[in-house]
């Protein structure tokens, strides 16, 4: 359930806003509150995120979510894999676009040739 995409998004969100609530995080990720809770617990169990109660917060259910050294390393590794995957997708799309461009040029030049032949 906790794939690389959600792991990276959660680690980035927590790094950007350690006081983010699970509800806000769920909304940001576009997933259910239950799934968000599950994902956070998994990252806490892996030692990539540390959860601490706010010291002086009257809302004792509020937490700070802090990336651990392991979490920082995991975020860097995930970012590197994500970038490599996106660069590969970019190369594949660029190649596909080039093939389509050639097809369009061939089709349009073939059509122009046919029109010229018909007008003769």
N, C-alpha and C. Protein backbone atom coordinates (compact mmCIF):
# COMPACT_ATOMS: atom_id res chain seq x y z
N UNK A 1 0.82 -1.19 0.00
CA UNK A 1 0.00 0.00 0.00
C UNK A 1 0.86 1.26 0.00
N UNK A 2 2.05 1.18 0.61
CA UNK A 2 2.94 2.34 0.66
C UNK A 2 3.96 2.20 -0.46
N UNK A 3 3.63 2.76 -1.63
CA UNK A 3 4.55 2.66 -2.75
C UNK A 3 5.52 3.85 -2.74
N UNK A 4 6.48 3.81 -3.65
CA UNK A 4 7.51 4.85 -3.69
C UNK A 4 6.93 6.24 -3.88
N UNK A 5 5.88 6.33 -4.71
CA UNK A 5 5.28 7.64 -4.97
C UNK A 5 4.75 8.28 -3.68
N UNK A 6 3.96 7.51 -2.91
CA UNK A 6 3.40 8.06 -1.66
C UNK A 6 4.50 8.27 -0.62
N UNK A 7 5.46 7.36 -0.57
CA UNK A 7 6.55 7.51 0.39
C UNK A 7 7.27 8.83 0.14
N UNK A 8 7.60 9.11 -1.13
CA UNK A 8 8.31 10.35 -1.46
C UNK A 8 7.44 11.57 -1.16
N UNK A 9 6.17 11.52 -1.54
CA UNK A 9 5.29 12.66 -1.29
C UNK A 9 5.14 12.94 0.20
N UNK A 10 5.02 11.89 1.00
CA UNK A 10 4.89 12.08 2.45
C UNK A 10 6.17 12.64 3.04
N UNK A 11 7.31 12.08 2.64
CA UNK A 11 8.58 12.58 3.17
C UNK A 11 8.79 14.04 2.80
N UNK A 12 8.43 14.43 1.58
CA UNK A 12 8.57 15.83 1.16
C UNK A 12 7.61 16.72 1.97
N UNK A 13 6.37 16.28 2.13
CA UNK A 13 5.38 17.08 2.85
C UNK A 13 5.78 17.28 4.31
N UNK A 14 6.26 16.23 4.94
CA UNK A 14 6.68 16.30 6.34
C UNK A 14 7.90 17.19 6.49
N UNK A 15 8.81 17.09 5.54
CA UNK A 15 10.00 17.95 5.60
C UNK A 15 9.60 19.41 5.44
N UNK A 16 8.65 19.70 4.55
CA UNK A 16 8.21 21.07 4.31
C UNK A 16 7.40 21.64 5.47
N UNK A 17 6.61 20.78 6.13
CA UNK A 17 5.74 21.24 7.22
C UNK A 17 5.63 20.16 8.29
N UNK A 18 6.56 20.16 9.26
CA UNK A 18 6.56 19.13 10.31
C UNK A 18 5.27 19.10 11.14
N UNK A 19 4.52 20.20 11.16
CA UNK A 19 3.29 20.26 11.95
C UNK A 19 2.05 19.86 11.15
N UNK A 20 2.24 19.38 9.94
CA UNK A 20 1.10 19.03 9.10
C UNK A 20 0.25 17.96 9.78
N UNK A 21 -1.05 18.14 9.73
CA UNK A 21 -1.94 17.15 10.33
C UNK A 21 -2.15 16.01 9.34
N UNK A 22 -2.58 14.88 9.86
CA UNK A 22 -2.86 13.75 8.98
C UNK A 22 -3.98 14.11 8.01
N UNK A 23 -4.95 14.86 8.47
CA UNK A 23 -6.07 15.27 7.62
C UNK A 23 -5.57 16.15 6.47
N UNK A 24 -4.69 17.11 6.77
CA UNK A 24 -4.13 17.98 5.74
C UNK A 24 -3.28 17.18 4.76
N UNK A 25 -2.51 16.24 5.31
CA UNK A 25 -1.66 15.40 4.48
C UNK A 25 -2.50 14.53 3.54
N UNK A 26 -3.58 13.97 4.07
CA UNK A 26 -4.47 13.14 3.26
C UNK A 26 -5.06 13.97 2.12
N UNK A 27 -5.47 15.19 2.43
CA UNK A 27 -6.04 16.07 1.41
C UNK A 27 -4.99 16.41 0.34
N UNK A 28 -3.78 16.71 0.77
CA UNK A 28 -2.68 17.05 -0.13
C UNK A 28 -2.36 15.88 -1.07
N UNK A 29 -2.40 14.67 -0.52
CA UNK A 29 -2.04 13.48 -1.30
C UNK A 29 -3.21 12.93 -2.11
N UNK A 30 -4.43 13.35 -1.76
CA UNK A 30 -5.61 12.84 -2.44
C UNK A 30 -5.92 11.41 -2.06
N UNK A 31 -5.64 11.06 -0.80
CA UNK A 31 -5.92 9.71 -0.31
C UNK A 31 -6.74 9.81 0.97
N UNK A 32 -7.25 8.68 1.42
CA UNK A 32 -8.08 8.68 2.62
C UNK A 32 -7.24 8.94 3.87
N UNK A 33 -7.91 9.38 4.91
CA UNK A 33 -7.26 9.62 6.19
C UNK A 33 -6.70 8.31 6.74
N UNK A 34 -7.44 7.22 6.57
CA UNK A 34 -6.97 5.91 7.04
C UNK A 34 -5.69 5.47 6.35
N UNK A 35 -5.64 5.67 5.04
CA UNK A 35 -4.43 5.30 4.29
C UNK A 35 -3.26 6.18 4.71
N UNK A 36 -3.53 7.45 4.95
CA UNK A 36 -2.49 8.37 5.41
C UNK A 36 -1.93 7.90 6.75
N UNK A 37 -2.83 7.54 7.66
CA UNK A 37 -2.41 7.05 8.97
C UNK A 37 -1.57 5.79 8.82
N UNK A 38 -2.01 4.88 7.96
CA UNK A 38 -1.27 3.63 7.71
C UNK A 38 0.13 3.93 7.18
N UNK A 39 0.21 4.84 6.21
CA UNK A 39 1.50 5.19 5.60
C UNK A 39 2.44 5.84 6.61
N UNK A 40 1.91 6.77 7.39
CA UNK A 40 2.75 7.42 8.41
C UNK A 40 3.26 6.41 9.43
N UNK A 41 2.39 5.51 9.88
CA UNK A 41 2.81 4.48 10.84
C UNK A 41 3.91 3.61 10.24
N UNK A 42 3.77 3.26 8.96
CA UNK A 42 4.78 2.43 8.30
C UNK A 42 6.12 3.16 8.25
N UNK A 43 6.10 4.45 7.94
CA UNK A 43 7.34 5.22 7.90
C UNK A 43 7.94 5.41 9.29
N UNK A 44 7.09 5.52 10.29
CA UNK A 44 7.57 5.61 11.68
C UNK A 44 8.22 4.29 12.08
N UNK A 45 7.57 3.17 11.74
CA UNK A 45 8.12 1.84 12.06
C UNK A 45 9.45 1.60 11.35
N UNK A 46 9.60 2.13 10.14
CA UNK A 46 10.85 1.97 9.39
C UNK A 46 11.93 2.91 9.93
N UNK A 47 11.54 3.81 10.82
CA UNK A 47 12.50 4.74 11.40
C UNK A 47 12.83 5.92 10.50
N UNK A 48 11.95 6.20 9.52
CA UNK A 48 12.21 7.30 8.59
C UNK A 48 11.54 8.59 9.03
N UNK A 49 10.52 8.45 9.86
CA UNK A 49 9.84 9.61 10.44
C UNK A 49 9.72 9.38 11.94
N UNK A 50 9.89 10.46 12.67
CA UNK A 50 9.72 10.43 14.12
C UNK A 50 8.53 11.33 14.45
N UNK A 51 7.63 10.84 15.27
CA UNK A 51 6.45 11.62 15.66
C UNK A 51 6.60 12.03 17.12
N UNK A 52 6.39 13.32 17.38
CA UNK A 52 6.45 13.83 18.75
C UNK A 52 5.22 14.68 19.02
N UNK A 53 4.65 14.55 20.22
CA UNK A 53 3.54 15.43 20.61
C UNK A 53 4.05 16.85 20.76
N UNK A 54 3.19 17.80 20.41
CA UNK A 54 3.54 19.19 20.66
C UNK A 54 3.67 19.36 22.18
N UNK A 55 4.69 19.99 22.63
CA UNK A 55 4.93 20.14 24.07
C UNK A 55 3.86 21.01 24.74
N UNK A 56 3.60 22.18 24.19
CA UNK A 56 2.70 23.13 24.84
C UNK A 56 1.38 23.28 24.08
N UNK A 57 1.00 22.27 23.37
CA UNK A 57 -0.23 22.36 22.58
C UNK A 57 -1.40 21.82 23.39
N UNK A 58 -2.47 22.60 23.54
CA UNK A 58 -3.65 22.10 24.26
C UNK A 58 -4.30 20.93 23.52
N UNK A 59 -4.08 20.85 22.20
CA UNK A 59 -4.59 19.73 21.41
C UNK A 59 -3.54 18.62 21.46
N UNK A 60 -3.63 17.74 22.41
CA UNK A 60 -2.60 16.72 22.63
C UNK A 60 -2.53 15.69 21.52
N UNK A 61 -3.49 15.75 20.57
CA UNK A 61 -3.40 14.82 19.44
C UNK A 61 -2.53 15.39 18.33
N UNK A 62 -2.05 16.63 18.49
CA UNK A 62 -1.18 17.24 17.48
C UNK A 62 0.23 16.67 17.57
N UNK A 63 0.85 16.46 16.42
CA UNK A 63 2.20 15.90 16.38
C UNK A 63 3.10 16.73 15.48
N UNK A 64 4.37 16.67 15.79
CA UNK A 64 5.42 17.11 14.88
C UNK A 64 5.87 15.83 14.20
N UNK A 65 6.01 15.87 12.89
CA UNK A 65 6.57 14.73 12.16
C UNK A 65 7.93 15.18 11.64
N UNK A 66 8.95 14.52 12.10
CA UNK A 66 10.31 14.91 11.74
C UNK A 66 10.99 13.79 10.96
N UNK A 67 11.69 14.17 9.89
CA UNK A 67 12.45 13.17 9.16
C UNK A 67 13.68 12.79 9.97
N UNK A 68 13.92 11.51 10.05
CA UNK A 68 15.13 11.03 10.69
C UNK A 68 16.24 11.02 9.64
N UNK A 69 17.46 10.71 10.03
CA UNK A 69 18.56 10.59 9.08
C UNK A 69 18.21 9.54 8.02
N UNK A 70 17.63 8.44 8.47
CA UNK A 70 17.18 7.39 7.55
C UNK A 70 16.12 7.93 6.58
N UNK A 71 15.22 8.76 7.08
CA UNK A 71 14.19 9.37 6.24
C UNK A 71 14.77 10.32 5.20
N UNK A 72 15.76 11.08 5.61
CA UNK A 72 16.43 12.00 4.68
C UNK A 72 17.14 11.20 3.59
N UNK A 73 17.83 10.13 3.99
CA UNK A 73 18.52 9.27 3.01
C UNK A 73 17.52 8.60 2.07
N UNK A 74 16.40 8.13 2.62
CA UNK A 74 15.37 7.49 1.80
C UNK A 74 14.76 8.48 0.83
N UNK A 75 14.52 9.71 1.28
CA UNK A 75 13.96 10.74 0.41
C UNK A 75 14.91 11.03 -0.74
N UNK A 76 16.20 11.09 -0.46
CA UNK A 76 17.19 11.34 -1.51
C UNK A 76 17.22 10.18 -2.51
N UNK A 77 17.18 8.95 -2.01
CA UNK A 77 17.19 7.78 -2.89
C UNK A 77 15.93 7.71 -3.74
N UNK A 78 14.78 7.99 -3.13
CA UNK A 78 13.51 7.99 -3.87
C UNK A 78 13.51 9.08 -4.94
N UNK A 79 14.02 10.24 -4.60
CA UNK A 79 14.09 11.35 -5.55
C UNK A 79 14.97 10.97 -6.73
N UNK A 80 16.08 10.33 -6.46
CA UNK A 80 17.00 9.90 -7.52
C UNK A 80 16.32 8.88 -8.44
N UNK A 81 15.62 7.90 -7.86
CA UNK A 81 14.91 6.90 -8.66
C UNK A 81 13.78 7.54 -9.46
N UNK A 82 13.04 8.47 -8.83
CA UNK A 82 11.95 9.16 -9.49
C UNK A 82 12.48 9.95 -10.69
N UNK A 83 13.57 10.66 -10.48
CA UNK A 83 14.18 11.45 -11.56
C UNK A 83 14.63 10.54 -12.70
N UNK A 84 15.28 9.43 -12.39
CA UNK A 84 15.73 8.50 -13.43
C UNK A 84 14.54 7.97 -14.23
N UNK A 85 13.45 7.61 -13.53
CA UNK A 85 12.26 7.10 -14.20
C UNK A 85 11.64 8.17 -15.10
N UNK A 86 11.54 9.40 -14.60
CA UNK A 86 10.96 10.48 -15.39
C UNK A 86 11.83 10.83 -16.60
N UNK A 87 13.16 10.78 -16.45
CA UNK A 87 14.04 11.04 -17.58
C UNK A 87 13.88 9.95 -18.65
N UNK A 88 13.73 8.70 -18.22
CA UNK A 88 13.49 7.60 -19.15
C UNK A 88 12.17 7.80 -19.89
N UNK A 89 11.12 8.17 -19.14
CA UNK A 89 9.82 8.44 -19.76
C UNK A 89 9.94 9.59 -20.76
N UNK A 90 10.71 10.62 -20.42
CA UNK A 90 10.91 11.76 -21.30
C UNK A 90 11.59 11.32 -22.60
N UNK A 91 12.61 10.49 -22.48
CA UNK A 91 13.31 10.00 -23.68
C UNK A 91 12.37 9.18 -24.55
N UNK A 92 11.55 8.33 -23.93
CA UNK A 92 10.61 7.51 -24.68
C UNK A 92 9.56 8.38 -25.38
N UNK A 93 9.06 9.39 -24.68
CA UNK A 93 8.08 10.30 -25.28
C UNK A 93 8.70 11.10 -26.42
N UNK A 94 9.93 11.55 -26.24
CA UNK A 94 10.61 12.30 -27.29
C UNK A 94 10.76 11.44 -28.54
N UNK A 95 11.13 10.18 -28.37
CA UNK A 95 11.27 9.27 -29.51
C UNK A 95 9.91 9.03 -30.17
N UNK A 96 8.87 8.86 -29.37
CA UNK A 96 7.52 8.64 -29.91
C UNK A 96 7.04 9.88 -30.67
N UNK A 97 7.30 11.06 -30.14
CA UNK A 97 6.91 12.30 -30.80
C UNK A 97 7.63 12.42 -32.15
N UNK A 98 8.88 12.06 -32.19
CA UNK A 98 9.64 12.14 -33.44
C UNK A 98 9.06 11.18 -34.49
N UNK A 99 8.69 9.98 -34.08
CA UNK A 99 8.06 9.02 -35.00
C UNK A 99 6.75 9.60 -35.53
N UNK A 100 5.94 10.16 -34.64
CA UNK A 100 4.66 10.75 -35.06
C UNK A 100 4.87 11.93 -36.01
N UNK A 101 5.87 12.76 -35.75
CA UNK A 101 6.17 13.88 -36.64
C UNK A 101 6.52 13.38 -38.05
N UNK A 102 7.36 12.34 -38.10
CA UNK A 102 7.73 11.78 -39.40
C UNK A 102 6.51 11.23 -40.12
N UNK A 103 5.64 10.56 -39.37
CA UNK A 103 4.42 10.01 -39.98
C UNK A 103 3.54 11.13 -40.55
N UNK A 104 3.40 12.22 -39.81
CA UNK A 104 2.59 13.35 -40.26
C UNK A 104 3.21 13.96 -41.52
N UNK A 105 4.52 14.15 -41.52
CA UNK A 105 5.19 14.72 -42.69
C UNK A 105 5.04 13.81 -43.91
N UNK A 106 5.22 12.51 -43.69
CA UNK A 106 5.08 11.56 -44.80
C UNK A 106 3.65 11.55 -45.33
N UNK A 107 2.68 11.56 -44.41
CA UNK A 107 1.28 11.55 -44.82
C UNK A 107 0.93 12.82 -45.57
N UNK A 108 1.38 13.97 -45.08
CA UNK A 108 1.05 15.23 -45.75
C UNK A 108 1.76 15.35 -47.08
N UNK A 109 3.00 14.89 -47.18
CA UNK A 109 3.70 14.96 -48.48
C UNK A 109 3.11 13.96 -49.46
N UNK A 110 2.69 12.80 -48.96
CA UNK A 110 2.03 11.80 -49.81
C UNK A 110 0.70 12.35 -50.32
N UNK A 111 -0.05 13.02 -49.47
CA UNK A 111 -1.33 13.62 -49.86
C UNK A 111 -1.10 14.72 -50.89
N UNK A 112 -0.07 15.53 -50.70
CA UNK A 112 0.24 16.61 -51.66
C UNK A 112 0.61 16.02 -53.01
N UNK A 113 1.36 14.93 -53.02
CA UNK A 113 1.75 14.27 -54.26
C UNK A 113 0.52 13.74 -54.98
N UNK A 114 -0.40 13.15 -54.22
CA UNK A 114 -1.62 12.61 -54.81
C UNK A 114 -2.48 13.75 -55.40
N UNK A 115 -2.57 14.88 -54.73
CA UNK A 115 -3.33 16.01 -55.24
C UNK A 115 -2.71 16.55 -56.52
N UNK A 116 -1.38 16.61 -56.54
CA UNK A 116 -0.70 17.10 -57.74
C UNK A 116 -0.92 16.15 -58.92
N UNK A 117 -0.89 14.84 -58.65
CA UNK A 117 -1.12 13.85 -59.70
C UNK A 117 -2.54 13.94 -60.23
N UNK A 118 -3.49 14.21 -59.36
CA UNK A 118 -4.89 14.28 -59.78
C UNK A 118 -5.17 15.55 -60.60
N UNK A 119 -4.42 16.60 -60.35
CA UNK A 119 -4.68 17.86 -61.05
C UNK A 119 -4.06 17.86 -62.44
N UNK A 120 -3.21 16.92 -62.71
CA UNK A 120 -2.57 16.85 -64.03
C UNK A 120 -3.49 16.31 -65.06
